[in-house]
Amino acid sequence: MTTLELKNNFHHLIDSIENENILQKFYELMLRKRSTRDGMLWGRLSKDEIDELLLVNEECENSEDLIPHENIQQKHSKELCL
């Protein structure tokens, strides 16, 4: 998808949202993302948070430890509005 197509699709998505709360969240997210340089989040993490993320990443490498996406969707279908 080209940049122009992405922008057009994003505009259509925003135009289709009637919930002011969701629109406000999108707006805040985009403002933060636009002003955040790559890698800034990692630099704000504590040593314990970094260690935890690295451990999670390592654990995700073993597919036997993972829960199938369908199982999570089924378990949380009400919260996900499925």
N, C-alpha and C. Protein backbone atom coordinates (compact mmCIF):
# COMPACT_ATOMS: atom_id res chain seq x y z
N MET A 1 0.84 -1.17 0.00
CA MET A 1 0.00 0.00 0.00
C MET A 1 0.90 1.24 0.00
N THR A 2 0.57 2.20 -0.83
CA THR A 2 1.37 3.42 -0.91
C THR A 2 1.05 4.35 0.26
N THR A 3 1.88 5.34 0.45
CA THR A 3 1.65 6.33 1.51
C THR A 3 0.32 7.04 1.28
N LEU A 4 0.04 7.39 0.05
CA LEU A 4 -1.22 8.07 -0.27
C LEU A 4 -2.42 7.18 0.04
N GLU A 5 -2.32 5.90 -0.31
CA GLU A 5 -3.41 4.97 -0.01
C GLU A 5 -3.59 4.82 1.50
N LEU A 6 -2.49 4.71 2.23
CA LEU A 6 -2.58 4.61 3.68
C LEU A 6 -3.26 5.83 4.29
N LYS A 7 -2.86 7.00 3.83
CA LYS A 7 -3.46 8.24 4.35
C LYS A 7 -4.96 8.28 4.03
N ASN A 8 -5.32 7.94 2.81
CA ASN A 8 -6.73 7.95 2.43
C ASN A 8 -7.53 6.95 3.26
N ASN A 9 -6.98 5.74 3.43
CA ASN A 9 -7.66 4.73 4.24
C ASN A 9 -7.80 5.17 5.69
N PHE A 10 -6.75 5.80 6.20
CA PHE A 10 -6.79 6.27 7.57
C PHE A 10 -7.85 7.37 7.73
N HIS A 11 -7.93 8.27 6.77
CA HIS A 11 -8.96 9.32 6.81
C HIS A 11 -10.36 8.72 6.78
N HIS A 12 -10.56 7.72 5.92
CA HIS A 12 -11.86 7.05 5.85
C HIS A 12 -12.19 6.36 7.17
N LEU A 13 -11.21 5.73 7.76
CA LEU A 13 -11.41 5.06 9.04
C LEU A 13 -11.84 6.07 10.10
N ILE A 14 -11.13 7.17 10.19
CA ILE A 14 -11.46 8.20 11.17
C ILE A 14 -12.85 8.76 10.91
N ASP A 15 -13.16 9.02 9.64
CA ASP A 15 -14.47 9.56 9.29
C ASP A 15 -15.61 8.62 9.67
N SER A 16 -15.33 7.33 9.73
CA SER A 16 -16.37 6.35 10.04
C SER A 16 -16.59 6.16 11.54
N ILE A 17 -15.72 6.72 12.37
CA ILE A 17 -15.82 6.54 13.83
C ILE A 17 -16.71 7.63 14.40
N GLU A 18 -17.75 7.23 15.10
CA GLU A 18 -18.68 8.17 15.72
C GLU A 18 -18.42 8.37 17.21
N ASN A 19 -17.66 7.46 17.80
CA ASN A 19 -17.39 7.50 19.23
C ASN A 19 -16.32 8.55 19.53
N GLU A 20 -16.72 9.61 20.24
CA GLU A 20 -15.79 10.70 20.53
C GLU A 20 -14.61 10.25 21.39
N ASN A 21 -14.86 9.31 22.28
CA ASN A 21 -13.80 8.76 23.14
C ASN A 21 -12.69 8.11 22.30
N ILE A 22 -13.11 7.29 21.35
CA ILE A 22 -12.14 6.61 20.48
C ILE A 22 -11.39 7.62 19.64
N LEU A 23 -12.09 8.60 19.11
CA LEU A 23 -11.44 9.64 18.31
C LEU A 23 -10.39 10.40 19.14
N GLN A 24 -10.73 10.70 20.37
CA GLN A 24 -9.79 11.40 21.26
C GLN A 24 -8.55 10.56 21.50
N LYS A 25 -8.74 9.25 21.71
CA LYS A 25 -7.60 8.35 21.93
C LYS A 25 -6.71 8.28 20.69
N PHE A 26 -7.34 8.16 19.50
CA PHE A 26 -6.57 8.16 18.26
C PHE A 26 -5.75 9.44 18.13
N TYR A 27 -6.40 10.55 18.41
CA TYR A 27 -5.74 11.84 18.29
C TYR A 27 -4.53 11.93 19.21
N GLU A 28 -4.72 11.54 20.47
CA GLU A 28 -3.63 11.59 21.45
C GLU A 28 -2.50 10.65 21.05
N LEU A 29 -2.86 9.46 20.58
CA LEU A 29 -1.86 8.49 20.14
C LEU A 29 -1.04 9.04 18.98
N MET A 30 -1.71 9.61 18.01
CA MET A 30 -1.00 10.15 16.85
C MET A 30 -0.11 11.33 17.22
N LEU A 31 -0.57 12.17 18.13
CA LEU A 31 0.26 13.29 18.59
C LEU A 31 1.53 12.78 19.27
N ARG A 32 1.35 11.79 20.16
CA ARG A 32 2.52 11.23 20.86
C ARG A 32 3.47 10.56 19.88
N LYS A 33 2.91 9.79 18.96
CA LYS A 33 3.74 9.04 18.00
C LYS A 33 4.52 10.00 17.10
N ARG A 34 3.89 11.07 16.70
CA ARG A 34 4.54 12.03 15.80
C ARG A 34 5.72 12.72 16.49
N SER A 35 5.63 12.91 17.80
CA SER A 35 6.69 13.62 18.50
C SER A 35 7.70 12.69 19.17
N THR A 36 7.52 11.38 19.05
CA THR A 36 8.42 10.42 19.69
C THR A 36 9.42 9.89 18.67
N ARG A 37 10.68 10.01 18.98
CA ARG A 37 11.72 9.46 18.10
C ARG A 37 11.85 7.96 18.36
N ASP A 38 12.31 7.22 17.34
CA ASP A 38 12.53 5.79 17.49
C ASP A 38 13.50 5.51 18.63
N GLY A 39 13.19 4.52 19.44
CA GLY A 39 14.07 4.11 20.52
C GLY A 39 13.87 4.85 21.83
N MET A 40 13.04 5.89 21.84
CA MET A 40 12.86 6.66 23.07
C MET A 40 12.18 5.83 24.16
N LEU A 41 11.23 5.00 23.79
CA LEU A 41 10.53 4.19 24.78
C LEU A 41 11.50 3.25 25.48
N TRP A 42 12.34 2.58 24.72
CA TRP A 42 13.31 1.65 25.30
C TRP A 42 14.19 2.39 26.32
N GLY A 43 14.58 3.58 26.01
CA GLY A 43 15.44 4.37 26.90
C GLY A 43 14.76 4.78 28.19
N ARG A 44 13.42 4.78 28.22
CA ARG A 44 12.68 5.15 29.43
C ARG A 44 12.38 3.96 30.32
N LEU A 45 12.68 2.76 29.86
CA LEU A 45 12.39 1.56 30.66
C LEU A 45 13.42 1.37 31.75
N SER A 46 12.96 0.82 32.88
CA SER A 46 13.89 0.48 33.96
C SER A 46 14.62 -0.81 33.58
N LYS A 47 15.68 -1.13 34.34
CA LYS A 47 16.42 -2.37 34.09
C LYS A 47 15.50 -3.58 34.24
N ASP A 48 14.63 -3.57 35.26
CA ASP A 48 13.70 -4.68 35.47
C ASP A 48 12.73 -4.83 34.30
N GLU A 49 12.24 -3.71 33.77
CA GLU A 49 11.32 -3.77 32.63
C GLU A 49 12.01 -4.31 31.38
N ILE A 50 13.25 -3.89 31.17
CA ILE A 50 14.03 -4.40 30.03
C ILE A 50 14.26 -5.89 30.17
N ASP A 51 14.65 -6.32 31.37
CA ASP A 51 14.88 -7.74 31.62
C ASP A 51 13.61 -8.56 31.38
N GLU A 52 12.48 -8.03 31.82
CA GLU A 52 11.20 -8.72 31.64
C GLU A 52 10.85 -8.84 30.15
N LEU A 53 11.04 -7.77 29.40
CA LEU A 53 10.76 -7.82 27.96
C LEU A 53 11.67 -8.79 27.23
N LEU A 54 12.92 -8.81 27.60
CA LEU A 54 13.85 -9.75 26.97
C LEU A 54 13.48 -11.19 27.29
N LEU A 55 13.04 -11.43 28.52
CA LEU A 55 12.60 -12.77 28.92
C LEU A 55 11.35 -13.18 28.14
N VAL A 56 10.39 -12.28 28.03
CA VAL A 56 9.17 -12.56 27.28
C VAL A 56 9.52 -12.88 25.82
N ASN A 57 10.40 -12.09 25.25
CA ASN A 57 10.81 -12.33 23.86
C ASN A 57 11.43 -13.71 23.71
N GLU A 58 12.27 -14.09 24.66
CA GLU A 58 12.90 -15.41 24.65
C GLU A 58 11.86 -16.52 24.75
N GLU A 59 10.89 -16.34 25.66
CA GLU A 59 9.86 -17.35 25.85
C GLU A 59 8.98 -17.50 24.62
N CYS A 60 8.80 -16.44 23.88
CA CYS A 60 7.96 -16.48 22.67
C CYS A 60 8.62 -17.27 21.54
N GLU A 61 9.90 -17.49 21.63
CA GLU A 61 10.60 -18.24 20.60
C GLU A 61 10.18 -19.71 20.60
N ASN A 62 9.71 -20.23 21.74
CA ASN A 62 9.28 -21.62 21.85
C ASN A 62 7.78 -21.68 21.59
N SER A 63 7.38 -22.19 20.45
CA SER A 63 5.97 -22.21 20.07
C SER A 63 5.12 -23.06 21.00
N GLU A 64 5.73 -23.98 21.73
CA GLU A 64 4.97 -24.81 22.67
C GLU A 64 4.45 -23.99 23.85
N ASP A 65 5.10 -22.86 24.12
CA ASP A 65 4.69 -22.00 25.23
C ASP A 65 3.58 -21.02 24.85
N LEU A 66 3.28 -20.94 23.56
CA LEU A 66 2.31 -19.96 23.08
C LEU A 66 0.89 -20.51 23.10
N ILE A 67 -0.06 -19.61 23.32
CA ILE A 67 -1.48 -19.96 23.29
C ILE A 67 -2.00 -19.56 21.91
N PRO A 68 -2.69 -20.46 21.22
CA PRO A 68 -3.21 -20.12 19.89
C PRO A 68 -4.12 -18.89 19.93
N HIS A 69 -4.02 -18.08 18.91
CA HIS A 69 -4.79 -16.83 18.80
C HIS A 69 -6.29 -17.10 18.93
N GLU A 70 -6.76 -18.17 18.32
CA GLU A 70 -8.18 -18.51 18.37
C GLU A 70 -8.64 -18.74 19.81
N ASN A 71 -7.79 -19.37 20.62
CA ASN A 71 -8.14 -19.63 22.02
C ASN A 71 -8.31 -18.32 22.79
N ILE A 72 -7.41 -17.38 22.54
CA ILE A 72 -7.49 -16.08 23.22
C ILE A 72 -8.73 -15.34 22.76
N GLN A 73 -9.01 -15.37 21.47
CA GLN A 73 -10.21 -14.70 20.96
C GLN A 73 -11.47 -15.29 21.58
N GLN A 74 -11.53 -16.60 21.66
CA GLN A 74 -12.70 -17.26 22.23
C GLN A 74 -12.84 -16.90 23.70
N LYS A 75 -11.75 -16.93 24.42
CA LYS A 75 -11.79 -16.65 25.86
C LYS A 75 -12.22 -15.20 26.14
N HIS A 76 -11.81 -14.28 25.28
CA HIS A 76 -12.07 -12.86 25.51
C HIS A 76 -13.00 -12.25 24.46
N SER A 77 -13.85 -13.08 23.88
CA SER A 77 -14.71 -12.60 22.78
C SER A 77 -15.62 -11.46 23.22
N LYS A 78 -16.10 -11.48 24.44
CA LYS A 78 -16.98 -10.41 24.92
C LYS A 78 -16.23 -9.07 24.98
N GLU A 79 -15.02 -9.08 25.53
CA GLU A 79 -14.23 -7.86 25.63
C GLU A 79 -13.79 -7.36 24.27
N LEU A 80 -13.58 -8.29 23.33
CA LEU A 80 -13.12 -7.92 21.99
C LEU A 80 -14.28 -7.59 21.06
N CYS A 81 -15.50 -7.69 21.55
CA CYS A 81 -16.71 -7.42 20.74
C CYS A 81 -16.76 -8.29 19.49
N LEU A 82 -16.46 -9.58 19.67
CA LEU A 82 -16.49 -10.52 18.53
C LEU A 82 -17.81 -11.24 18.47
